[in-house]
Amino acid sequence: MLDPDSKVNANKDEIVTSVKHSKKKQNLLLKFFDILSKSNILAELSTLVPLDKDVPDVTTRRFFVVLSGVKSQKKEKIIDEAMSHFCENHRRKSVHPKAKSNAPTEYDFDYQPSSFATDLKTLFGVFKSHGVAYCINDFEKDGTFLSNLYGRWKKVAEVREDFGALPMQATFDISMDAKLRSALEKKVLDIDNNYKHFVMLILQLVGKTSMLRGGTEVSVSLFFICFLFFKLTSLFYLYDSTLL
């Protein structure tokens, strides 16, 4: 029998995920300013300044002070230069063990385009929350940091067979049935007493039978299934009650 209290743990997991996302966003912003601080031209933008002259203890980055507010050509140029410097220096610390690359060392530490694009969107989301009016789409034109980044990705793709090919993409495990059976027998997955384990099993089974990969695809599918189920059952009871 499932333990009702274990549902509380599921809610805690959601909170933990949110905290992890916030921490990841914060670490990315710190890395952005750390990279800027090492530039002879842009270092001043990374310095901390008082947010309000009357409250000197509350600080913000000069980057936000200079670039918040109404758009201008000068602000656009500053953002473009800052992002160009960031893109040139935002690299992995090590090469992923599963990556297959015969590329020169210069290209080995480049993030996959999908990961890099996510980081850029995250940064511009943070910029917006600090009053910066520009979004990443404003730089979708020739001569900007994005066009230079795309050019670099093209060069990397020519020498790295795994680049842009999603080498870490979720795949189906043909031995998963045996692994699940073993986990259930050894009580590694205790579906009778652990609500989280029960949900994990359901996700796996739905993913297998529906040919879905990864927890996100399965979760979204289950959401729509549950929505449709409750909608149909509600309509049924509503219709049935009119017959009484």
Protein backbone atom coordinates (compact mmCIF):
# COMPACT_ATOMS: atom_id res chain seq x y z
CA MET A 1 0.00 0.00 0.00
CA LEU A 2 1.34 3.43 -0.91
CA ASP A 3 2.33 5.76 1.88
CA PRO A 4 0.35 9.04 1.61
CA ASP A 5 3.17 10.87 3.37
CA SER A 6 5.49 9.97 0.52
CA LYS A 7 3.56 12.42 -1.69
CA VAL A 8 5.11 15.15 0.42
CA ASN A 9 8.51 13.93 -0.74
CA ALA A 10 7.40 14.37 -4.36
CA ASN A 11 6.54 18.01 -3.62
CA LYS A 12 9.91 18.44 -1.97
CA ASP A 13 11.57 17.09 -5.11
CA GLU A 14 9.82 19.78 -7.17
CA ILE A 15 11.13 22.42 -4.79
CA VAL A 16 14.64 20.96 -5.01
CA THR A 17 14.45 21.06 -8.82
CA SER A 18 13.41 24.72 -8.71
CA VAL A 19 16.27 25.53 -6.32
CA LYS A 20 18.74 23.71 -8.57
CA HIS A 21 17.52 25.70 -11.58
CA SER A 22 17.89 28.98 -9.67
CA LYS A 23 21.37 28.00 -8.53
CA LYS A 24 22.38 27.03 -12.07
CA LYS A 25 21.10 30.39 -13.34
CA GLN A 26 23.02 32.21 -10.62
CA ASN A 27 26.22 30.31 -11.37
CA LEU A 28 25.89 31.10 -15.08
CA LEU A 29 25.50 34.81 -14.30
CA LEU A 30 28.56 34.69 -12.02
CA LYS A 31 30.54 33.02 -14.80
CA PHE A 32 29.38 35.71 -17.24
CA PHE A 33 30.68 38.50 -15.01
CA ASP A 34 33.84 36.57 -14.20
CA ILE A 35 34.58 36.35 -17.93
CA LEU A 36 33.86 40.07 -18.37
CA SER A 37 36.14 40.94 -15.45
CA LYS A 38 39.09 39.44 -17.34
CA SER A 39 38.60 41.73 -20.31
CA ASN A 40 40.68 44.90 -20.45
CA ILE A 41 37.85 46.79 -22.12
CA LEU A 42 34.75 45.32 -20.45
CA ALA A 43 35.96 44.63 -16.90
CA GLU A 44 34.33 47.75 -15.47
CA LEU A 45 30.88 46.44 -16.42
CA SER A 46 31.32 43.53 -14.01
CA THR A 47 32.01 45.71 -10.96
CA LEU A 48 29.49 46.10 -8.14
CA VAL A 49 27.92 49.51 -7.60
CA PRO A 50 25.23 50.75 -5.16
CA LEU A 51 21.71 50.19 -6.47
CA ASP A 52 20.62 53.33 -4.63
CA LYS A 53 22.85 56.15 -3.38
CA ASP A 54 20.87 56.27 -0.15
CA VAL A 55 21.34 52.51 0.43
CA PRO A 56 25.02 51.80 -0.32
CA ASP A 57 24.88 48.27 1.08
CA VAL A 58 22.52 47.07 -1.69
CA THR A 59 24.58 46.60 -4.84
CA THR A 60 24.13 45.56 -8.44
CA ARG A 61 26.38 45.11 -11.45
CA ARG A 62 27.38 48.20 -13.42
CA PHE A 63 26.34 46.19 -16.49
CA PHE A 64 22.69 46.50 -15.47
CA VAL A 65 22.98 50.16 -14.51
CA VAL A 66 24.49 51.13 -17.87
CA LEU A 67 22.25 48.97 -20.07
CA SER A 68 18.81 49.10 -18.42
CA GLY A 69 16.09 51.33 -19.81
CA VAL A 70 15.31 52.52 -23.33
CA LYS A 71 17.16 50.90 -26.22
CA SER A 72 19.93 52.77 -28.04
CA GLN A 73 22.66 51.98 -30.56
CA LYS A 74 25.30 52.52 -27.90
CA LYS A 75 23.69 50.01 -25.53
CA GLU A 76 23.26 47.47 -28.33
CA LYS A 77 26.94 47.78 -29.21
CA ILE A 78 28.02 47.30 -25.59
CA ILE A 79 25.85 44.19 -25.19
CA ASP A 80 27.15 42.80 -28.48
CA GLU A 81 30.77 43.29 -27.40
CA ALA A 82 30.10 41.79 -23.97
CA MET A 83 28.34 38.74 -25.43
CA SER A 84 31.07 38.29 -28.07
CA HIS A 85 33.66 38.13 -25.29
CA PHE A 86 31.49 35.72 -23.31
CA CYS A 87 30.93 33.41 -26.30
CA GLU A 88 34.67 33.25 -26.99
CA ASN A 89 35.43 32.18 -23.42
CA HIS A 90 32.41 30.15 -22.31
CA ARG A 91 33.82 26.63 -22.54
CA ARG A 92 33.55 23.33 -20.73
CA LYS A 93 36.25 22.50 -18.18
CA SER A 94 36.67 19.01 -19.59
CA VAL A 95 35.65 16.89 -22.56
CA HIS A 96 32.60 14.68 -22.01
CA PRO A 97 33.73 11.01 -21.83
CA LYS A 98 31.00 9.89 -24.27
CA ALA A 99 31.89 12.47 -26.89
CA LYS A 100 33.67 11.16 -29.98
CA SER A 101 35.96 13.80 -31.36
CA ASN A 102 39.14 13.94 -33.39
CA ALA A 103 39.09 17.71 -33.28
CA PRO A 104 41.99 19.97 -32.32
CA THR A 105 42.10 20.90 -28.63
CA GLU A 106 40.79 24.35 -29.56
CA TYR A 107 37.40 22.84 -30.42
CA ASP A 108 37.18 19.97 -27.91
CA PHE A 109 35.82 22.13 -25.11
CA ASP A 110 33.01 23.80 -27.05
CA TYR A 111 29.52 23.21 -25.64
CA GLN A 112 26.97 21.59 -27.92
CA PRO A 113 24.88 24.26 -29.75
CA SER A 114 21.70 23.24 -27.89
CA SER A 115 23.37 23.68 -24.48
CA PHE A 116 25.01 26.95 -25.48
CA ALA A 117 21.75 28.34 -26.86
CA THR A 118 20.00 27.49 -23.59
CA ASP A 119 22.68 29.39 -21.64
CA LEU A 120 22.30 32.43 -23.89
CA LYS A 121 18.51 32.47 -23.49
CA THR A 122 18.93 32.11 -19.72
CA LEU A 123 21.31 35.06 -19.59
CA PHE A 124 19.02 37.31 -21.61
CA GLY A 125 16.16 36.27 -19.35
CA VAL A 126 18.18 37.47 -16.36
CA PHE A 127 19.09 40.68 -18.19
CA LYS A 128 15.41 41.37 -18.79
CA SER A 129 14.61 40.90 -15.09
CA HIS A 130 17.15 43.67 -14.38
CA GLY A 131 15.58 46.13 -16.80
CA VAL A 132 17.64 45.44 -19.94
CA ALA A 133 15.21 45.81 -22.87
CA TYR A 134 17.14 43.69 -25.37
CA CYS A 135 16.41 40.06 -26.15
CA ILE A 136 18.53 37.55 -28.02
CA ASN A 137 16.43 37.95 -31.19
CA ASP A 138 17.66 41.54 -31.50
CA PHE A 139 21.07 40.15 -32.48
CA GLU A 140 19.86 37.81 -35.22
CA LYS A 141 21.65 39.77 -37.96
CA ASP A 142 25.00 39.93 -39.72
CA GLY A 143 27.98 41.26 -37.83
CA THR A 144 26.69 40.48 -34.33
CA PHE A 145 27.99 38.04 -31.75
CA LEU A 146 25.37 35.51 -32.86
CA SER A 147 26.52 35.52 -36.48
CA ASN A 148 30.12 35.07 -35.30
CA LEU A 149 29.03 32.24 -33.00
CA TYR A 150 27.20 30.48 -35.83
CA GLY A 151 30.34 30.80 -37.94
CA ARG A 152 32.40 29.17 -35.23
CA TRP A 153 29.91 26.34 -34.84
CA LYS A 154 30.15 25.68 -38.56
CA LYS A 155 33.92 25.36 -38.31
CA VAL A 156 33.69 23.07 -35.28
CA ALA A 157 31.13 20.84 -37.03
CA GLU A 158 33.62 20.32 -39.87
CA VAL A 159 36.16 18.73 -37.52
CA ARG A 160 34.01 17.20 -34.78
CA GLU A 161 31.73 14.34 -35.76
CA ASP A 162 29.74 14.60 -32.53
CA PHE A 163 29.17 18.37 -32.69
CA GLY A 164 25.55 19.37 -33.23
CA ALA A 165 24.53 15.71 -33.42
CA LEU A 166 23.10 15.45 -29.86
CA PRO A 167 25.53 12.68 -28.77
CA MET A 168 23.96 12.58 -25.29
CA GLN A 169 20.38 12.29 -26.59
CA ALA A 170 18.13 9.89 -24.69
CA THR A 171 17.91 6.43 -26.26
CA PHE A 172 15.95 3.24 -25.57
CA ASP A 173 17.60 0.65 -23.32
CA ILE A 174 16.78 -2.82 -24.68
CA SER A 175 17.71 -4.43 -21.36
CA MET A 176 15.45 -2.17 -19.29
CA ASP A 177 12.86 -4.89 -18.57
CA ALA A 178 15.48 -7.11 -16.95
CA LYS A 179 16.88 -4.17 -15.00
CA LEU A 180 13.42 -3.21 -13.72
CA ARG A 181 12.64 -6.80 -12.69
CA SER A 182 15.92 -7.02 -10.81
CA ALA A 183 15.36 -3.66 -9.11
CA LEU A 184 11.87 -4.71 -7.98
CA GLU A 185 13.06 -8.09 -6.69
CA LYS A 186 15.92 -6.52 -4.72
CA LYS A 187 13.63 -3.74 -3.43
CA VAL A 188 15.86 -1.09 -5.00
CA LEU A 189 12.53 0.18 -6.30
CA ASP A 190 10.07 -0.16 -3.41
CA ILE A 191 6.80 0.68 -5.16
CA ASP A 192 4.68 -0.54 -2.22
CA ASN A 193 6.03 2.01 0.23
CA ASN A 194 7.75 4.72 -1.81
CA TYR A 195 5.50 7.00 -3.86
CA LYS A 196 8.44 8.39 -5.84
CA HIS A 197 9.53 4.89 -6.87
CA PHE A 198 5.97 4.11 -7.96
CA VAL A 199 5.88 7.23 -10.15
CA MET A 200 9.29 6.33 -11.63
CA LEU A 201 7.97 2.90 -12.60
CA ILE A 202 4.84 4.39 -14.20
CA LEU A 203 6.96 6.86 -16.18
CA GLN A 204 9.18 4.05 -17.44
CA LEU A 205 6.27 1.83 -18.47
CA VAL A 206 4.40 4.66 -20.20
CA GLY A 207 7.60 5.69 -21.98
CA LYS A 208 8.20 2.15 -23.21
CA THR A 209 4.68 1.45 -24.43
CA SER A 210 4.31 4.88 -26.05
CA MET A 211 7.82 4.96 -27.56
CA LEU A 212 8.74 8.13 -25.67
CA ARG A 213 12.25 9.05 -24.61
CA GLY A 214 13.18 10.97 -21.49
CA GLY A 215 11.13 12.01 -18.49
CA THR A 216 9.94 15.27 -20.04
CA GLU A 217 8.22 13.62 -23.01
CA VAL A 218 6.52 11.10 -20.73
CA SER A 219 5.47 13.71 -18.16
CA VAL A 220 3.90 15.97 -20.79
CA SER A 221 2.07 13.01 -22.34
CA LEU A 222 0.72 11.92 -18.95
CA PHE A 223 -0.44 15.47 -18.25
CA PHE A 224 -2.58 15.54 -21.38
CA ILE A 225 -3.86 12.01 -20.78
CA CYS A 226 -4.96 12.91 -17.24
CA PHE A 227 -6.49 16.17 -18.45
CA LEU A 228 -8.49 14.34 -21.11
CA PHE A 229 -9.54 11.61 -18.65
CA PHE A 230 -10.85 14.00 -16.02
CA LYS A 231 -12.52 16.17 -18.65
CA LEU A 232 -14.36 13.20 -20.17
CA THR A 233 -15.37 11.72 -16.82
CA SER A 234 -16.64 15.11 -15.63
CA LEU A 235 -18.74 15.43 -18.76
CA PHE A 236 -20.06 11.90 -18.24
CA TYR A 237 -21.21 12.56 -14.68
CA LEU A 238 -22.70 15.87 -15.71
CA TYR A 239 -24.63 14.19 -18.52
CA ASP A 240 -25.64 11.27 -16.28
CA SER A 241 -26.98 13.57 -13.56
CA THR A 242 -29.36 15.21 -15.98
CA LEU A 243 -31.08 11.85 -16.42
CA LEU A 244 -32.02 11.67 -12.73
